[in-house]
């Protein structure tokens, strides 16, 4: 393997890099008690995918890799 140095970069070789970044999308819209958990997961995954695609839509060098991991966050409502 040829090292990627200034000398090799100026030759016939092209040195590039790829970076994988993990993002977390915080969806703050609440779902009602009547919505099944399976539906919450489906809607959350779609909303997160839409949000990330919106951010990278003008960056052809960026793509979504792999499956999204969806977690439900349940907290008790404050009752008066």
PDB file of N, CA and C in Angstrom:
ATOM      1  N   UNK A   1       0.836  -1.183   0.000  1.00  0.00           N
ATOM      2  CA  UNK A   1       0.000   0.000   0.000  1.00  0.00           C
ATOM      3  C   UNK A   1       0.878   1.243   0.000  1.00  0.00           C
ATOM      4  N   UNK A   2       0.560   2.170  -0.869  1.00  0.00           N
ATOM      5  CA  UNK A   2       1.324   3.410  -0.986  1.00  0.00           C
ATOM      6  C   UNK A   2       0.772   4.417   0.011  1.00  0.00           C
ATOM      7  N   UNK A   3       1.633   5.034   0.838  1.00  0.00           N
ATOM      8  CA  UNK A   3       1.122   6.027   1.791  1.00  0.00           C
ATOM      9  C   UNK A   3       0.579   7.252   1.061  1.00  0.00           C
ATOM     10  N   UNK A   4      -0.421   7.858   1.642  1.00  0.00           N
ATOM     11  CA  UNK A   4      -1.030   9.053   1.051  1.00  0.00           C
ATOM     12  C   UNK A   4      -0.278  10.269   1.588  1.00  0.00           C
ATOM     13  N   UNK A   5       0.697  10.697   0.838  1.00  0.00           N
ATOM     14  CA  UNK A   5       1.505  11.862   1.216  1.00  0.00           C
ATOM     15  C   UNK A   5       1.330  12.926   0.156  1.00  0.00           C
ATOM     16  N   UNK A   6       1.899  14.091   0.392  1.00  0.00           N
ATOM     17  CA  UNK A   6       1.820  15.170  -0.588  1.00  0.00           C
ATOM     18  C   UNK A   6       2.444  14.726  -1.911  1.00  0.00           C
ATOM     19  N   UNK A   7       3.509  13.942  -1.823  1.00  0.00           N
ATOM     20  CA  UNK A   7       4.176  13.465  -3.035  1.00  0.00           C
ATOM     21  C   UNK A   7       3.266  12.522  -3.821  1.00  0.00           C
ATOM     22  N   UNK A   8       2.600  11.561  -3.137  1.00  0.00           N
ATOM     23  CA  UNK A   8       1.721  10.634  -3.854  1.00  0.00           C
ATOM     24  C   UNK A   8       0.444  11.328  -4.289  1.00  0.00           C
ATOM     25  N   UNK A   9      -0.018  12.308  -3.533  1.00  0.00           N
ATOM     26  CA  UNK A   9      -1.239  13.022  -3.905  1.00  0.00           C
ATOM     27  C   UNK A   9      -1.046  13.794  -5.206  1.00  0.00           C
ATOM     28  N   UNK A  10       0.165  14.198  -5.473  1.00  0.00           N
ATOM     29  CA  UNK A  10       0.437  14.953  -6.695  1.00  0.00           C
ATOM     30  C   UNK A  10       0.774  14.030  -7.860  1.00  0.00           C
ATOM     31  N   UNK A  11       0.857  12.729  -7.603  1.00  0.00           N
ATOM     32  CA  UNK A  11       1.127  11.785  -8.677  1.00  0.00           C
ATOM     33  C   UNK A  11      -0.202  11.326  -9.277  1.00  0.00           C
ATOM     34  N   UNK A  12      -0.247  10.112  -9.803  1.00  0.00           N
ATOM     35  CA  UNK A  12      -1.455   9.583 -10.426  1.00  0.00           C
ATOM     36  C   UNK A  12      -2.491   9.101  -9.410  1.00  0.00           C
ATOM     37  N   UNK A  13      -2.128   9.048  -8.149  1.00  0.00           N
ATOM     38  CA  UNK A  13      -3.047   8.561  -7.133  1.00  0.00           C
ATOM     39  C   UNK A  13      -3.913   9.687  -6.593  1.00  0.00           C
ATOM     40  N   UNK A  14      -5.102   9.317  -6.188  1.00  0.00           N
ATOM     41  CA  UNK A  14      -6.004  10.293  -5.574  1.00  0.00           C
ATOM     42  C   UNK A  14      -6.325   9.795  -4.173  1.00  0.00           C
ATOM     43  N   UNK A  15      -6.075  10.596  -3.190  1.00  0.00           N
ATOM     44  CA  UNK A  15      -6.342  10.229  -1.801  1.00  0.00           C
ATOM     45  C   UNK A  15      -7.650  10.884  -1.366  1.00  0.00           C
ATOM     46  N   UNK A  16      -8.598  10.069  -0.918  1.00  0.00           N
ATOM     47  CA  UNK A  16      -9.873  10.583  -0.422  1.00  0.00           C
ATOM     48  C   UNK A  16     -10.175   9.935   0.921  1.00  0.00           C
ATOM     49  N   UNK A  17     -11.255  10.353   1.538  1.00  0.00           N
ATOM     50  CA  UNK A  17     -11.660   9.781   2.827  1.00  0.00           C
ATOM     51  C   UNK A  17     -13.176   9.734   2.903  1.00  0.00           C
ATOM     52  N   UNK A  18     -13.676   8.800   3.684  1.00  0.00           N
ATOM     53  CA  UNK A  18     -15.109   8.727   3.989  1.00  0.00           C
ATOM     54  C   UNK A  18     -15.253   8.686   5.502  1.00  0.00           C
ATOM     55  N   UNK A  19     -16.232   9.413   6.001  1.00  0.00           N
ATOM     56  CA  UNK A  19     -16.472   9.486   7.438  1.00  0.00           C
ATOM     57  C   UNK A  19     -17.922   9.103   7.703  1.00  0.00           C
ATOM     58  N   UNK A  20     -18.139   8.217   8.643  1.00  0.00           N
ATOM     59  CA  UNK A  20     -19.496   7.847   9.040  1.00  0.00           C
ATOM     60  C   UNK A  20     -19.829   8.588  10.326  1.00  0.00           C
ATOM     61  N   UNK A  21     -20.968   9.274  10.330  1.00  0.00           N
ATOM     62  CA  UNK A  21     -21.397  10.069  11.469  1.00  0.00           C
ATOM     63  C   UNK A  21     -22.718   9.516  11.988  1.00  0.00           C
ATOM     64  N   UNK A  22     -22.842   9.380  13.288  1.00  0.00           N
ATOM     65  CA  UNK A  22     -24.096   8.949  13.904  1.00  0.00           C
ATOM     66  C   UNK A  22     -24.848  10.189  14.376  1.00  0.00           C
ATOM     67  N   UNK A  23     -26.104  10.308  13.952  1.00  0.00           N
ATOM     68  CA  UNK A  23     -26.949  11.442  14.347  1.00  0.00           C
ATOM     69  C   UNK A  23     -28.070  10.961  15.249  1.00  0.00           C
ATOM     70  N   UNK A  24     -28.551  11.849  16.089  1.00  0.00           N
ATOM     71  CA  UNK A  24     -29.772  11.574  16.848  1.00  0.00           C
ATOM     72  C   UNK A  24     -30.755  12.682  16.506  1.00  0.00           C
ATOM     73  N   UNK A  25     -31.955  12.298  16.093  1.00  0.00           N
ATOM     74  CA  UNK A  25     -33.007  13.260  15.770  1.00  0.00           C
ATOM     75  C   UNK A  25     -34.010  13.221  16.914  1.00  0.00           C
ATOM     76  N   UNK A  26     -34.184  14.347  17.590  1.00  0.00           N
ATOM     77  CA  UNK A  26     -35.105  14.424  18.723  1.00  0.00           C
ATOM     78  C   UNK A  26     -36.460  14.906  18.216  1.00  0.00           C
ATOM     79  N   UNK A  27     -37.414  14.002  18.136  1.00  0.00           N
ATOM     80  CA  UNK A  27     -38.761  14.343  17.673  1.00  0.00           C
ATOM     81  C   UNK A  27     -39.585  14.725  18.891  1.00  0.00           C
ATOM     82  N   UNK A  28     -39.983  15.977  18.945  1.00  0.00           N
ATOM     83  CA  UNK A  28     -40.633  16.489  20.157  1.00  0.00           C
ATOM     84  C   UNK A  28     -42.157  16.472  20.095  1.00  0.00           C
ATOM     85  N   UNK A  29     -42.723  16.109  18.939  1.00  0.00           N
ATOM     86  CA  UNK A  29     -44.183  16.094  18.876  1.00  0.00           C
ATOM     87  C   UNK A  29     -44.703  14.906  19.701  1.00  0.00           C
ATOM     88  N   UNK A  30     -45.702  15.135  20.528  1.00  0.00           N
ATOM     89  CA  UNK A  30     -46.249  14.039  21.336  1.00  0.00           C
ATOM     90  C   UNK A  30     -47.295  13.238  20.561  1.00  0.00           C
ATOM     91  N   UNK A  31     -47.456  11.990  20.917  1.00  0.00           N
ATOM     92  CA  UNK A  31     -48.503  11.143  20.367  1.00  0.00           C
ATOM     93  C   UNK A  31     -49.528  10.907  21.468  1.00  0.00           C
ATOM     94  N   UNK A  32     -50.767  10.747  21.091  1.00  0.00           N
ATOM     95  CA  UNK A  32     -51.808  10.525  22.091  1.00  0.00           C
ATOM     96  C   UNK A  32     -51.736   9.091  22.616  1.00  0.00           C
ATOM     97  N   UNK A  33     -52.405   8.844  23.706  1.00  0.00           N
ATOM     98  CA  UNK A  33     -52.417   7.521  24.335  1.00  0.00           C
ATOM     99  C   UNK A  33     -53.052   6.461  23.438  1.00  0.00           C
ATOM    100  N   UNK A  34     -53.891   6.889  22.497  1.00  0.00           N
ATOM    101  CA  UNK A  34     -54.599   5.941  21.634  1.00  0.00           C
ATOM    102  C   UNK A  34     -53.728   5.395  20.500  1.00  0.00           C
ATOM    103  N   UNK A  35     -52.591   6.037  20.243  1.00  0.00           N
ATOM    104  CA  UNK A  35     -51.740   5.614  19.121  1.00  0.00           C
ATOM    105  C   UNK A  35     -50.909   4.400  19.553  1.00  0.00           C
ATOM    106  N   UNK A  36     -51.020   3.292  18.811  1.00  0.00           N
ATOM    107  CA  UNK A  36     -50.236   2.102  19.159  1.00  0.00           C
ATOM    108  C   UNK A  36     -48.731   2.369  19.028  1.00  0.00           C
ATOM    109  N   UNK A  37     -47.954   1.712  19.875  1.00  0.00           N
ATOM    110  CA  UNK A  37     -46.507   1.888  19.872  1.00  0.00           C
ATOM    111  C   UNK A  37     -45.903   1.577  18.508  1.00  0.00           C
ATOM    112  N   UNK A  38     -46.428   0.565  17.830  1.00  0.00           N
ATOM    113  CA  UNK A  38     -45.937   0.207  16.503  1.00  0.00           C
ATOM    114  C   UNK A  38     -46.097   1.385  15.528  1.00  0.00           C
ATOM    115  N   UNK A  39     -47.216   2.091  15.627  1.00  0.00           N
ATOM    116  CA  UNK A  39     -47.466   3.250  14.761  1.00  0.00           C
ATOM    117  C   UNK A  39     -46.543   4.412  15.118  1.00  0.00           C
ATOM    118  N   UNK A  40     -46.265   4.595  16.404  1.00  0.00           N
ATOM    119  CA  UNK A  40     -45.332   5.645  16.838  1.00  0.00           C
ATOM    120  C   UNK A  40     -43.960   5.388  16.224  1.00  0.00           C
ATOM    121  N   UNK A  41     -43.508   4.129  16.279  1.00  0.00           N
ATOM    122  CA  UNK A  41     -42.214   3.785  15.699  1.00  0.00           C
ATOM    123  C   UNK A  41     -42.203   4.058  14.193  1.00  0.00           C
ATOM    124  N   UNK A  42     -43.266   3.700  13.502  1.00  0.00           N
ATOM    125  CA  UNK A  42     -43.345   3.911  12.056  1.00  0.00           C
ATOM    126  C   UNK A  42     -43.294   5.399  11.725  1.00  0.00           C
ATOM    127  N   UNK A  43     -44.118   6.184  12.419  1.00  0.00           N
ATOM    128  CA  UNK A  43     -44.163   7.627  12.164  1.00  0.00           C
ATOM    129  C   UNK A  43     -42.852   8.308  12.547  1.00  0.00           C
ATOM    130  N   UNK A  44     -42.255   7.894  13.659  1.00  0.00           N
ATOM    131  CA  UNK A  44     -40.997   8.493  14.110  1.00  0.00           C
ATOM    132  C   UNK A  44     -39.877   8.216  13.109  1.00  0.00           C
ATOM    133  N   UNK A  45     -39.827   6.994  12.608  1.00  0.00           N
ATOM    134  CA  UNK A  45     -38.791   6.652  11.636  1.00  0.00           C
ATOM    135  C   UNK A  45     -38.959   7.483  10.360  1.00  0.00           C
ATOM    136  N   UNK A  46     -40.190   7.639   9.898  1.00  0.00           N
ATOM    137  CA  UNK A  46     -40.456   8.429   8.696  1.00  0.00           C
ATOM    138  C   UNK A  46     -40.090   9.903   8.921  1.00  0.00           C
ATOM    139  N   UNK A  47     -40.471  10.449  10.075  1.00  0.00           N
ATOM    140  CA  UNK A  47     -40.169  11.851  10.384  1.00  0.00           C
ATOM    141  C   UNK A  47     -38.664  12.094  10.466  1.00  0.00           C
ATOM    142  N   UNK A  48     -37.945  11.188  11.108  1.00  0.00           N
ATOM    143  CA  UNK A  48     -36.493  11.338  11.230  1.00  0.00           C
ATOM    144  C   UNK A  48     -35.824  11.236   9.868  1.00  0.00           C
ATOM    145  N   UNK A  49     -36.250  10.282   9.064  1.00  0.00           N
ATOM    146  CA  UNK A  49     -35.675  10.114   7.723  1.00  0.00           C
ATOM    147  C   UNK A  49     -35.928  11.366   6.887  1.00  0.00           C
ATOM    148  N   UNK A  50     -37.139  11.902   6.949  1.00  0.00           N
ATOM    149  CA  UNK A  50     -37.467  13.128   6.212  1.00  0.00           C
ATOM    150  C   UNK A  50     -36.584  14.298   6.660  1.00  0.00           C
ATOM    151  N   UNK A  51     -36.384  14.423   7.982  1.00  0.00           N
ATOM    152  CA  UNK A  51     -35.579  15.529   8.515  1.00  0.00           C
ATOM    153  C   UNK A  51     -34.129  15.432   8.048  1.00  0.00           C
ATOM    154  N   UNK A  52     -33.558  14.235   8.080  1.00  0.00           N
ATOM    155  CA  UNK A  52     -32.165  14.059   7.661  1.00  0.00           C
ATOM    156  C   UNK A  52     -32.036  14.251   6.153  1.00  0.00           C
ATOM    157  N   UNK A  53     -32.973  13.707   5.386  1.00  0.00           N
ATOM    158  CA  UNK A  53     -32.927  13.891   3.936  1.00  0.00           C
ATOM    159  C   UNK A  53     -33.041  15.361   3.562  1.00  0.00           C
ATOM    160  N   UNK A  54     -33.838  16.126   4.302  1.00  0.00           N
ATOM    161  CA  UNK A  54     -33.950  17.566   4.055  1.00  0.00           C
ATOM    162  C   UNK A  54     -32.602  18.250   4.261  1.00  0.00           C
ATOM    163  N   UNK A  55     -31.875  17.841   5.308  1.00  0.00           N
ATOM    164  CA  UNK A  55     -30.576  18.455   5.591  1.00  0.00           C
ATOM    165  C   UNK A  55     -29.522  18.132   4.539  1.00  0.00           C
ATOM    166  N   UNK A  56     -29.585  16.921   3.964  1.00  0.00           N
ATOM    167  CA  UNK A  56     -28.528  16.503   3.037  1.00  0.00           C
ATOM    168  C   UNK A  56     -28.948  16.530   1.571  1.00  0.00           C
ATOM    169  N   UNK A  57     -30.129  17.062   1.275  1.00  0.00           N
ATOM    170  CA  UNK A  57     -30.661  16.985  -0.089  1.00  0.00           C
ATOM    171  C   UNK A  57     -29.771  17.654  -1.134  1.00  0.00           C
ATOM    172  N   UNK A  58     -29.028  18.666  -0.760  1.00  0.00           N
ATOM    173  CA  UNK A  58     -28.155  19.355  -1.715  1.00  0.00           C
ATOM    174  C   UNK A  58     -26.697  18.925  -1.571  1.00  0.00           C
ATOM    175  N   UNK A  59     -26.476  17.796  -0.936  1.00  0.00           N
ATOM    176  CA  UNK A  59     -25.120  17.284  -0.743  1.00  0.00           C
ATOM    177  C   UNK A  59     -25.043  15.870  -1.296  1.00  0.00           C
ATOM    178  N   UNK A  60     -24.778  15.728  -2.604  1.00  0.00           N
ATOM    179  CA  UNK A  60     -24.775  14.395  -3.210  1.00  0.00           C
ATOM    180  C   UNK A  60     -23.715  13.461  -2.631  1.00  0.00           C
ATOM    181  N   UNK A  61     -22.725  14.009  -1.927  1.00  0.00           N
ATOM    182  CA  UNK A  61     -21.711  13.156  -1.332  1.00  0.00           C
ATOM    183  C   UNK A  61     -22.154  12.561   0.010  1.00  0.00           C
ATOM    184  N   UNK A  62     -23.346  12.914   0.469  1.00  0.00           N
ATOM    185  CA  UNK A  62     -23.868  12.383   1.726  1.00  0.00           C
ATOM    186  C   UNK A  62     -25.052  11.468   1.456  1.00  0.00           C
ATOM    187  N   UNK A  63     -25.068  10.320   2.103  1.00  0.00           N
ATOM    188  CA  UNK A  63     -26.169   9.365   1.970  1.00  0.00           C
ATOM    189  C   UNK A  63     -26.483   8.764   3.342  1.00  0.00           C
ATOM    190  N   UNK A  64     -27.704   8.268   3.490  1.00  0.00           N
ATOM    191  CA  UNK A  64     -28.091   7.569   4.710  1.00  0.00           C
ATOM    192  C   UNK A  64     -27.658   6.118   4.563  1.00  0.00           C
ATOM    193  N   UNK A  65     -26.884   5.638   5.510  1.00  0.00           N
ATOM    194  CA  UNK A  65     -26.414   4.255   5.500  1.00  0.00           C
ATOM    195  C   UNK A  65     -27.113   3.474   6.613  1.00  0.00           C
ATOM    196  N   UNK A  66     -27.589   2.322   6.277  1.00  0.00           N
ATOM    197  CA  UNK A  66     -28.105   1.428   7.305  1.00  0.00           C
ATOM    198  C   UNK A  66     -29.487   1.774   7.825  1.00  0.00           C
ATOM    199  N   UNK A  67     -29.906   0.954   8.734  1.00  0.00           N
ATOM    200  CA  UNK A  67     -31.233   1.041   9.339  1.00  0.00           C
ATOM    201  C   UNK A  67     -31.216   2.005  10.520  1.00  0.00           C
ATOM    202  N   UNK A  68     -32.306   2.727  10.698  1.00  0.00           N
ATOM    203  CA  UNK A  68     -32.414   3.638  11.832  1.00  0.00           C
ATOM    204  C   UNK A  68     -32.830   2.872  13.078  1.00  0.00           C
ATOM    205  N   UNK A  69     -32.345   3.321  14.214  1.00  0.00           N
ATOM    206  CA  UNK A  69     -32.708   2.735  15.505  1.00  0.00           C
ATOM    207  C   UNK A  69     -33.691   3.688  16.175  1.00  0.00           C
ATOM    208  N   UNK A  70     -34.928   3.275  16.353  1.00  0.00           N
ATOM    209  CA  UNK A  70     -35.961   4.125  16.947  1.00  0.00           C
ATOM    210  C   UNK A  70     -36.186   3.686  18.390  1.00  0.00           C
ATOM    211  N   UNK A  71     -36.191   4.661  19.317  1.00  0.00           N
ATOM    212  CA  UNK A  71     -36.473   4.398  20.727  1.00  0.00           C
ATOM    213  C   UNK A  71     -37.677   5.236  21.142  1.00  0.00           C
ATOM    214  N   UNK A  72     -38.602   4.628  21.833  1.00  0.00           N
ATOM    215  CA  UNK A  72     -39.737   5.381  22.373  1.00  0.00           C
ATOM    216  C   UNK A  72     -39.329   5.932  23.736  1.00  0.00           C
ATOM    217  N   UNK A  73     -39.669   7.193  23.982  1.00  0.00           N
ATOM    218  CA  UNK A  73     -39.377   7.826  25.266  1.00  0.00           C
ATOM    219  C   UNK A  73     -40.712   8.158  25.910  1.00  0.00           C
ATOM    220  N   UNK A  74     -41.002   7.510  27.016  1.00  0.00           N
ATOM    221  CA  UNK A  74     -42.279   7.729  27.699  1.00  0.00           C
ATOM    222  C   UNK A  74     -42.019   8.347  29.072  1.00  0.00           C
ATOM    223  N   UNK A  75     -42.698   9.472  29.320  1.00  0.00           N
ATOM    224  CA  UNK A  75     -42.575  10.147  30.613  1.00  0.00           C
ATOM    225  C   UNK A  75     -43.968  10.447  31.136  1.00  0.00           C
ATOM    226  N   UNK A  76     -44.165  10.378  32.441  1.00  0.00           N
ATOM    227  CA  UNK A  76     -45.484  10.690  32.977  1.00  0.00           C
ATOM    228  C   UNK A  76     -45.791  12.182  32.802  1.00  0.00           C
ATOM    229  N   UNK A  77     -47.042  12.457  32.455  1.00  0.00           N
ATOM    230  CA  UNK A  77     -47.466  13.845  32.317  1.00  0.00           C
ATOM    231  C   UNK A  77     -47.605  14.465  33.708  1.00  0.00           C
ATOM    232  N   UNK A  78     -47.274  15.743  33.779  1.00  0.00           N
ATOM    233  CA  UNK A  78     -47.466  16.467  35.037  1.00  0.00           C
ATOM    234  C   UNK A  78     -48.960  16.701  35.217  1.00  0.00           C
ATOM    235  N   UNK A  79     -49.502  16.253  36.306  1.00  0.00           N
ATOM    236  CA  UNK A  79     -50.935  16.429  36.588  1.00  0.00           C
ATOM    237  C   UNK A  79     -51.107  17.444  37.718  1.00  0.00           C
ATOM    238  N   UNK A  80     -52.057  18.362  37.553  1.00  0.00           N
ATOM    239  CA  UNK A  80     -52.261  19.361  38.616  1.00  0.00           C
ATOM    240  C   UNK A  80     -52.832  18.754  39.876  1.00  0.00           C
TER     241      UNK A  80
END
